Amino acid sequence: MTENLSTAAQEIELLAFRLGEQEYCLDIMSVREIRGWTSATPLPFSPAHVKGVINLRGTVLPVIDLAVRLGMPPVRADERNVIIVVSVNGHTAGLLVDAVSDILSIATDQLQPPPDLAGDLESSCISALTLVGQRLIRVLQLGAVLPARPAEAA
């Protein structure tokens, strides 16, 4: 009987969200908060996927248009959109998405590796795929979307 308990698949919680007609999710442990759209202040010479920065309780937070980062048309930022504040590799940023749709508990054995499409930025940003009902949901690899900051001088 104890064998069944030890071999049972672990579950992880994922925050599901939409970008256009596509659904993605990310590990909920990386999510700091979800906030409504706030207009971002653009920064000169920033990459196309960086919408700008916002003030988050005294901290300057970069806002990334996740759709552009993944090679899709930009999100039309308005009051219906949300910013998912995430932290990974010591880097905190806001991800602009169309909408948050769900919190999912998925058994780790239900996660499937994405197909190997060498050189495809989006596939390298996807750590797994999972089927929820009839919905195929991509699990975002935040480390690939938000690379770690270089060490700052003391």
Protein backbone atom coordinates (compact mmCIF):
# COMPACT_ATOMS: atom_id res chain seq x y z
CA MET A 1 0.00 0.00 0.00
CA THR A 2 2.80 2.44 0.77
CA GLU A 3 4.25 1.78 -2.70
CA ASN A 4 1.17 3.33 -4.30
CA LEU A 5 1.54 6.47 -2.21
CA SER A 6 5.24 6.86 -3.02
CA THR A 7 4.73 6.34 -6.76
CA ALA A 8 1.72 8.64 -6.99
CA ALA A 9 2.40 11.62 -9.24
CA GLN A 10 3.00 14.93 -7.56
CA GLU A 11 0.79 17.86 -8.46
CA ILE A 12 1.91 21.35 -9.29
CA GLU A 13 -0.20 24.48 -9.39
CA LEU A 14 -0.09 26.56 -12.54
CA LEU A 15 -1.57 29.97 -13.33
CA ALA A 16 -3.25 29.81 -16.76
CA PHE A 17 -3.58 32.89 -18.96
CA ARG A 18 -4.46 33.86 -22.52
CA LEU A 19 -2.42 35.50 -25.24
CA GLY A 20 -4.72 36.00 -28.19
CA GLU A 21 -6.33 32.64 -28.89
CA GLN A 22 -3.56 30.67 -27.19
CA GLU A 23 -3.38 29.47 -23.60
CA TYR A 24 -0.23 29.39 -21.52
CA CYS A 25 0.52 28.77 -17.89
CA LEU A 26 3.38 29.23 -15.46
CA ASP A 27 4.33 27.88 -12.07
CA ILE A 28 2.26 29.74 -9.49
CA MET A 29 5.26 29.78 -7.14
CA SER A 30 6.89 32.34 -9.48
CA VAL A 31 3.89 34.69 -9.32
CA ARG A 32 4.19 37.61 -6.90
CA GLU A 33 0.86 39.26 -7.78
CA ILE A 34 -1.67 39.91 -10.53
CA ARG A 35 -2.61 43.52 -11.20
CA GLY A 36 -4.73 45.42 -13.65
CA TRP A 37 -3.17 47.20 -16.61
CA THR A 38 -1.14 50.28 -15.73
CA SER A 39 0.27 52.42 -18.51
CA ALA A 40 4.03 51.85 -18.76
CA THR A 41 6.64 54.56 -19.27
CA PRO A 42 8.63 53.67 -22.40
CA LEU A 43 12.42 53.47 -22.20
CA PRO A 44 14.63 54.51 -25.12
CA PHE A 45 16.53 51.73 -26.92
CA SER A 46 14.72 48.96 -25.05
CA PRO A 47 13.88 45.73 -26.91
CA ALA A 48 10.57 45.65 -28.81
CA HIS A 49 9.01 43.29 -26.25
CA VAL A 50 9.60 45.72 -23.36
CA LYS A 51 6.55 47.98 -23.03
CA GLY A 52 8.37 50.15 -20.50
CA VAL A 53 8.43 50.41 -16.72
CA ILE A 54 5.87 50.99 -13.99
CA ASN A 55 6.18 52.02 -10.36
CA LEU A 56 5.26 49.08 -8.13
CA ARG A 57 5.22 50.40 -4.56
CA GLY A 58 8.46 52.31 -5.03
CA THR A 59 10.18 49.70 -7.23
CA VAL A 60 10.76 50.26 -10.94
CA LEU A 61 9.30 47.19 -12.65
CA PRO A 62 9.88 46.39 -16.34
CA VAL A 63 6.73 45.34 -18.21
CA ILE A 64 7.16 42.78 -20.97
CA ASP A 65 4.60 42.26 -23.72
CA LEU A 66 4.73 38.48 -23.55
CA ALA A 67 3.05 38.09 -26.95
CA VAL A 68 5.83 40.09 -28.66
CA ARG A 69 8.47 38.19 -26.68
CA LEU A 70 7.02 34.94 -28.07
CA GLY A 71 6.87 36.25 -31.65
CA MET A 72 3.14 36.99 -31.77
CA PRO A 73 1.33 40.28 -32.52
CA PRO A 74 1.47 42.72 -29.58
CA VAL A 75 -1.21 42.78 -26.89
CA ARG A 76 -3.46 45.82 -27.31
CA ALA A 77 -2.99 47.18 -23.83
CA ASP A 78 -6.21 48.41 -22.23
CA GLU A 79 -8.09 48.10 -18.94
CA ARG A 80 -9.10 44.50 -19.73
CA ASN A 81 -5.49 43.29 -19.75
CA VAL A 82 -3.52 42.24 -16.71
CA ILE A 83 0.09 42.30 -15.62
CA ILE A 84 1.35 39.14 -13.95
CA VAL A 85 4.24 40.14 -11.67
CA VAL A 86 6.73 37.26 -11.63
CA SER A 87 10.10 36.64 -10.05
CA VAL A 88 12.67 34.19 -11.38
CA ASN A 89 16.48 34.00 -11.14
CA GLY A 90 16.52 37.12 -8.94
CA HIS A 91 14.73 39.10 -11.66
CA THR A 92 11.26 40.56 -11.14
CA ALA A 93 9.16 41.75 -14.08
CA GLY A 94 5.59 42.22 -15.18
CA LEU A 95 4.18 40.11 -18.00
CA LEU A 96 1.43 41.82 -20.00
CA VAL A 97 -1.20 39.23 -21.02
CA ASP A 98 -4.76 39.35 -22.34
CA ALA A 99 -6.36 37.72 -19.30
CA VAL A 100 -5.76 35.27 -16.47
CA SER A 101 -8.11 32.33 -16.91
CA ASP A 102 -7.53 29.72 -14.21
CA ILE A 103 -5.44 28.15 -11.48
CA LEU A 104 -4.75 24.55 -12.46
CA SER A 105 -3.54 21.62 -10.36
CA ILE A 106 -1.78 19.28 -12.77
CA ALA A 107 -0.17 15.94 -11.99
CA THR A 108 3.45 16.10 -13.07
CA ASP A 109 3.01 12.89 -15.08
CA GLN A 110 0.43 14.75 -17.22
CA LEU A 111 3.10 17.18 -18.44
CA GLN A 112 4.58 16.23 -21.80
CA PRO A 113 7.80 17.62 -23.28
CA PRO A 114 7.34 19.95 -26.26
CA PRO A 115 8.50 18.75 -29.67
CA ASP A 116 12.11 19.63 -30.45
CA LEU A 117 11.94 22.39 -33.04
CA ALA A 118 15.56 23.50 -33.13
CA GLY A 119 16.05 27.24 -33.31
CA ASP A 120 12.42 28.08 -32.51
CA LEU A 121 12.38 30.74 -29.75
CA GLU A 122 8.84 29.92 -28.65
CA SER A 123 9.53 26.21 -28.27
CA SER A 124 12.63 26.97 -26.18
CA CYS A 125 10.42 29.10 -23.90
CA ILE A 126 8.02 26.19 -23.41
CA SER A 127 9.02 23.59 -20.82
CA ALA A 128 5.99 21.30 -21.23
CA LEU A 129 2.54 20.86 -22.73
CA THR A 130 -0.56 19.59 -20.97
CA LEU A 131 -4.10 18.79 -21.99
CA VAL A 132 -6.89 20.16 -19.79
CA GLY A 133 -10.22 18.99 -21.16
CA GLN A 134 -9.95 19.85 -24.86
CA ARG A 135 -7.47 22.70 -24.24
CA LEU A 136 -3.80 22.25 -25.06
CA ILE A 137 -1.90 24.51 -22.68
CA ARG A 138 1.75 25.48 -22.95
CA VAL A 139 3.82 25.65 -19.76
CA LEU A 140 6.05 28.72 -19.97
CA GLN A 141 9.71 28.42 -18.96
CA LEU A 142 10.20 31.77 -17.24
CA GLY A 143 13.99 31.45 -17.16
CA ALA A 144 14.03 31.56 -20.97
CA VAL A 145 11.64 34.53 -21.14
CA LEU A 146 13.33 36.49 -18.34
CA PRO A 147 17.05 35.74 -18.40
CA ALA A 148 18.92 36.31 -15.15
CA ARG A 149 20.42 39.75 -14.66
CA PRO A 150 24.18 39.98 -14.73
CA ALA A 151 25.66 40.31 -11.26
CA GLU A 152 25.59 43.94 -10.16
CA ALA A 153 28.69 45.63 -8.85
CA ALA A 154 28.63 46.26 -5.11
